[in-house]
Amino acid sequence: PAELAENLKKYGGFIPGIRPGSHTKEYIEKVLNRITLPGAMFLAGLALAPYIIIKFLDLSSNSGGGSLVYTFGGTSLLIMVGVALETLKQIESQLLMRNYEGFMKKSKIKG
């Protein structure tokens, strides 16, 4: 937080309503402390959700459902969602790049 606050101050950035410097550092520390525990609990819940669902629905390995837990575990789901989001970001940036290239070709600015 201290390094981030210093970089914000050095490059002219700021958080609206917060004074640059030590106030920014304190604000960032406060926000990080507030979001770290709920974020960790959410990720733990996501990782454990498939196991809990299999137990709750009584899908034992005898019925073939037990292997489903290992196929689509919580961490696997988290990785798949992350990869899907990153792929969508790259597709969006490629489409934007194509639009800009078309814009540059259409312009008739002569130097």
C-alpha atoms as a PDB file:
ATOM      1  CA  PRO A   1       0.000   0.000   0.000  1.00  0.00           C
ATOM      2  CA  ALA A   2       2.807   2.442   0.754  1.00  0.00           C
ATOM      3  CA  GLU A   3       4.463   1.864  -2.621  1.00  0.00           C
ATOM      4  CA  LEU A   4       1.135   2.139  -4.443  1.00  0.00           C
ATOM      5  CA  ALA A   5       0.301   5.392  -2.656  1.00  0.00           C
ATOM      6  CA  GLU A   6       3.752   6.770  -3.490  1.00  0.00           C
ATOM      7  CA  ASN A   7       3.413   5.820  -7.173  1.00  0.00           C
ATOM      8  CA  LEU A   8      -0.024   7.433  -7.356  1.00  0.00           C
ATOM      9  CA  LYS A   9       1.382  10.620  -5.857  1.00  0.00           C
ATOM     10  CA  LYS A  10       4.476  10.577  -8.085  1.00  0.00           C
ATOM     11  CA  TYR A  11       2.510  10.161 -11.319  1.00  0.00           C
ATOM     12  CA  GLY A  12      -0.252  12.603 -10.435  1.00  0.00           C
ATOM     13  CA  GLY A  13      -2.938  10.045  -9.707  1.00  0.00           C
ATOM     14  CA  PHE A  14      -5.293  10.236  -6.774  1.00  0.00           C
ATOM     15  CA  ILE A  15      -8.343   8.645  -5.228  1.00  0.00           C
ATOM     16  CA  PRO A  16     -11.283  11.082  -5.261  1.00  0.00           C
ATOM     17  CA  GLY A  17     -11.960  12.401  -1.769  1.00  0.00           C
ATOM     18  CA  ILE A  18      -8.647  11.138  -0.362  1.00  0.00           C
ATOM     19  CA  ARG A  19      -5.588  13.347   0.034  1.00  0.00           C
ATOM     20  CA  PRO A  20      -2.391  12.075  -1.633  1.00  0.00           C
ATOM     21  CA  GLY A  21       0.362  10.618   0.537  1.00  0.00           C
ATOM     22  CA  SER A  22      -0.191   8.982   3.911  1.00  0.00           C
ATOM     23  CA  HIS A  23      -3.982   9.386   3.733  1.00  0.00           C
ATOM     24  CA  THR A  24      -4.006   7.394   0.486  1.00  0.00           C
ATOM     25  CA  LYS A  25      -1.829   4.692   2.075  1.00  0.00           C
ATOM     26  CA  GLU A  26      -4.173   4.401   5.057  1.00  0.00           C
ATOM     27  CA  TYR A  27      -7.222   4.265   2.773  1.00  0.00           C
ATOM     28  CA  ILE A  28      -5.705   1.508   0.601  1.00  0.00           C
ATOM     29  CA  GLU A  29      -4.769  -0.528   3.700  1.00  0.00           C
ATOM     30  CA  LYS A  30      -8.312  -0.141   5.045  1.00  0.00           C
ATOM     31  CA  VAL A  31      -9.875  -1.273   1.751  1.00  0.00           C
ATOM     32  CA  LEU A  32      -7.503  -4.244   1.440  1.00  0.00           C
ATOM     33  CA  ASN A  33      -8.265  -5.337   4.997  1.00  0.00           C
ATOM     34  CA  ARG A  34     -11.990  -5.190   4.246  1.00  0.00           C
ATOM     35  CA  ILE A  35     -11.896  -7.216   1.018  1.00  0.00           C
ATOM     36  CA  THR A  36      -9.237  -9.831   1.789  1.00  0.00           C
ATOM     37  CA  LEU A  37     -11.238 -12.001   4.208  1.00  0.00           C
ATOM     38  CA  PRO A  38     -14.517 -12.040   2.222  1.00  0.00           C
ATOM     39  CA  GLY A  39     -12.571 -12.749  -0.979  1.00  0.00           C
ATOM     40  CA  ALA A  40     -10.717 -15.637   0.631  1.00  0.00           C
ATOM     41  CA  MET A  41     -13.963 -17.037   2.025  1.00  0.00           C
ATOM     42  CA  PHE A  42     -15.621 -16.794  -1.398  1.00  0.00           C
ATOM     43  CA  LEU A  43     -12.754 -18.638  -3.086  1.00  0.00           C
ATOM     44  CA  ALA A  44     -12.789 -21.330  -0.396  1.00  0.00           C
ATOM     45  CA  GLY A  45     -16.548 -21.725  -0.853  1.00  0.00           C
ATOM     46  CA  LEU A  46     -16.131 -21.947  -4.605  1.00  0.00           C
ATOM     47  CA  ALA A  47     -13.439 -24.588  -4.250  1.00  0.00           C
ATOM     48  CA  LEU A  48     -15.575 -26.647  -1.863  1.00  0.00           C
ATOM     49  CA  ALA A  49     -18.930 -26.188  -3.629  1.00  0.00           C
ATOM     50  CA  PRO A  50     -18.687 -29.233  -5.945  1.00  0.00           C
ATOM     51  CA  TYR A  51     -17.801 -31.510  -3.021  1.00  0.00           C
ATOM     52  CA  ILE A  52     -20.712 -30.181  -0.959  1.00  0.00           C
ATOM     53  CA  ILE A  53     -23.153 -30.495  -3.869  1.00  0.00           C
ATOM     54  CA  ILE A  54     -22.122 -34.092  -4.549  1.00  0.00           C
ATOM     55  CA  LYS A  55     -22.563 -34.966  -0.857  1.00  0.00           C
ATOM     56  CA  PHE A  56     -25.884 -33.087  -0.620  1.00  0.00           C
ATOM     57  CA  LEU A  57     -27.331 -34.758  -3.731  1.00  0.00           C
ATOM     58  CA  ASP A  58     -25.948 -38.112  -2.560  1.00  0.00           C
ATOM     59  CA  LEU A  59     -24.089 -38.786  -5.784  1.00  0.00           C
ATOM     60  CA  SER A  60     -21.710 -41.429  -4.550  1.00  0.00           C
ATOM     61  CA  SER A  61     -18.983 -43.047  -6.601  1.00  0.00           C
ATOM     62  CA  ASN A  62     -21.256 -46.104  -7.005  1.00  0.00           C
ATOM     63  CA  SER A  63     -23.591 -44.099  -9.234  1.00  0.00           C
ATOM     64  CA  GLY A  64     -20.719 -42.548 -11.157  1.00  0.00           C
ATOM     65  CA  GLY A  65     -21.133 -39.086  -9.639  1.00  0.00           C
ATOM     66  CA  GLY A  66     -18.041 -39.293  -7.441  1.00  0.00           C
ATOM     67  CA  SER A  67     -15.710 -38.907 -10.388  1.00  0.00           C
ATOM     68  CA  LEU A  68     -17.629 -35.773 -11.372  1.00  0.00           C
ATOM     69  CA  VAL A  69     -16.194 -33.993  -8.335  1.00  0.00           C
ATOM     70  CA  TYR A  70     -12.660 -34.568  -9.546  1.00  0.00           C
ATOM     71  CA  THR A  71     -13.511 -33.621 -13.113  1.00  0.00           C
ATOM     72  CA  PHE A  72     -15.112 -30.294 -12.246  1.00  0.00           C
ATOM     73  CA  GLY A  73     -13.623 -29.320  -8.910  1.00  0.00           C
ATOM     74  CA  GLY A  74     -13.907 -25.763  -7.646  1.00  0.00           C
ATOM     75  CA  THR A  75     -10.393 -24.857  -8.677  1.00  0.00           C
ATOM     76  CA  SER A  76     -11.024 -26.219 -12.164  1.00  0.00           C
ATOM     77  CA  LEU A  77     -14.135 -24.067 -12.446  1.00  0.00           C
ATOM     78  CA  LEU A  78     -12.182 -21.040 -11.258  1.00  0.00           C
ATOM     79  CA  ILE A  79      -9.481 -21.656 -13.863  1.00  0.00           C
ATOM     80  CA  MET A  80     -12.045 -22.170 -16.645  1.00  0.00           C
ATOM     81  CA  VAL A  81     -13.848 -18.933 -15.793  1.00  0.00           C
ATOM     82  CA  GLY A  82     -10.540 -17.042 -15.657  1.00  0.00           C
ATOM     83  CA  VAL A  83      -9.457 -18.382 -19.037  1.00  0.00           C
ATOM     84  CA  ALA A  84     -12.862 -17.596 -20.562  1.00  0.00           C
ATOM     85  CA  LEU A  85     -12.759 -14.006 -19.285  1.00  0.00           C
ATOM     86  CA  GLU A  86      -9.208 -13.501 -20.532  1.00  0.00           C
ATOM     87  CA  THR A  87     -10.170 -14.912 -23.944  1.00  0.00           C
ATOM     88  CA  LEU A  88     -13.118 -12.505 -24.147  1.00  0.00           C
ATOM     89  CA  LYS A  89     -10.819  -9.587 -23.273  1.00  0.00           C
ATOM     90  CA  GLN A  90      -8.398 -10.563 -26.037  1.00  0.00           C
ATOM     91  CA  ILE A  91     -11.208 -10.943 -28.574  1.00  0.00           C
ATOM     92  CA  GLU A  92     -12.552  -7.525 -27.614  1.00  0.00           C
ATOM     93  CA  SER A  93      -9.121  -5.919 -27.977  1.00  0.00           C
ATOM     94  CA  GLN A  94      -8.643  -7.545 -31.394  1.00  0.00           C
ATOM     95  CA  LEU A  95     -12.021  -6.221 -32.544  1.00  0.00           C
ATOM     96  CA  LEU A  96     -11.143  -2.739 -31.291  1.00  0.00           C
ATOM     97  CA  MET A  97      -7.782  -2.912 -33.080  1.00  0.00           C
ATOM     98  CA  ARG A  98      -9.530  -3.903 -36.307  1.00  0.00           C
ATOM     99  CA  ASN A  99     -11.919  -0.938 -35.959  1.00  0.00           C
ATOM    100  CA  TYR A 100      -9.011   1.460 -35.486  1.00  0.00           C
ATOM    101  CA  GLU A 101      -7.172   0.035 -38.486  1.00  0.00           C
ATOM    102  CA  GLY A 102     -10.277   0.513 -40.614  1.00  0.00           C
ATOM    103  CA  PHE A 103     -10.597   4.067 -39.332  1.00  0.00           C
ATOM    104  CA  MET A 104      -6.991   4.848 -40.260  1.00  0.00           C
ATOM    105  CA  LYS A 105      -7.382   3.407 -43.771  1.00  0.00           C
ATOM    106  CA  LYS A 106     -10.548   5.400 -44.447  1.00  0.00           C
ATOM    107  CA  SER A 107      -9.091   8.746 -43.431  1.00  0.00           C
ATOM    108  CA  LYS A 108      -7.868  10.898 -46.262  1.00  0.00           C
ATOM    109  CA  ILE A 109      -5.466  13.119 -44.381  1.00  0.00           C
ATOM    110  CA  LYS A 110      -2.672  14.278 -46.615  1.00  0.00           C
ATOM    111  CA  GLY A 111       0.533  15.554 -45.115  1.00  0.00           C
END
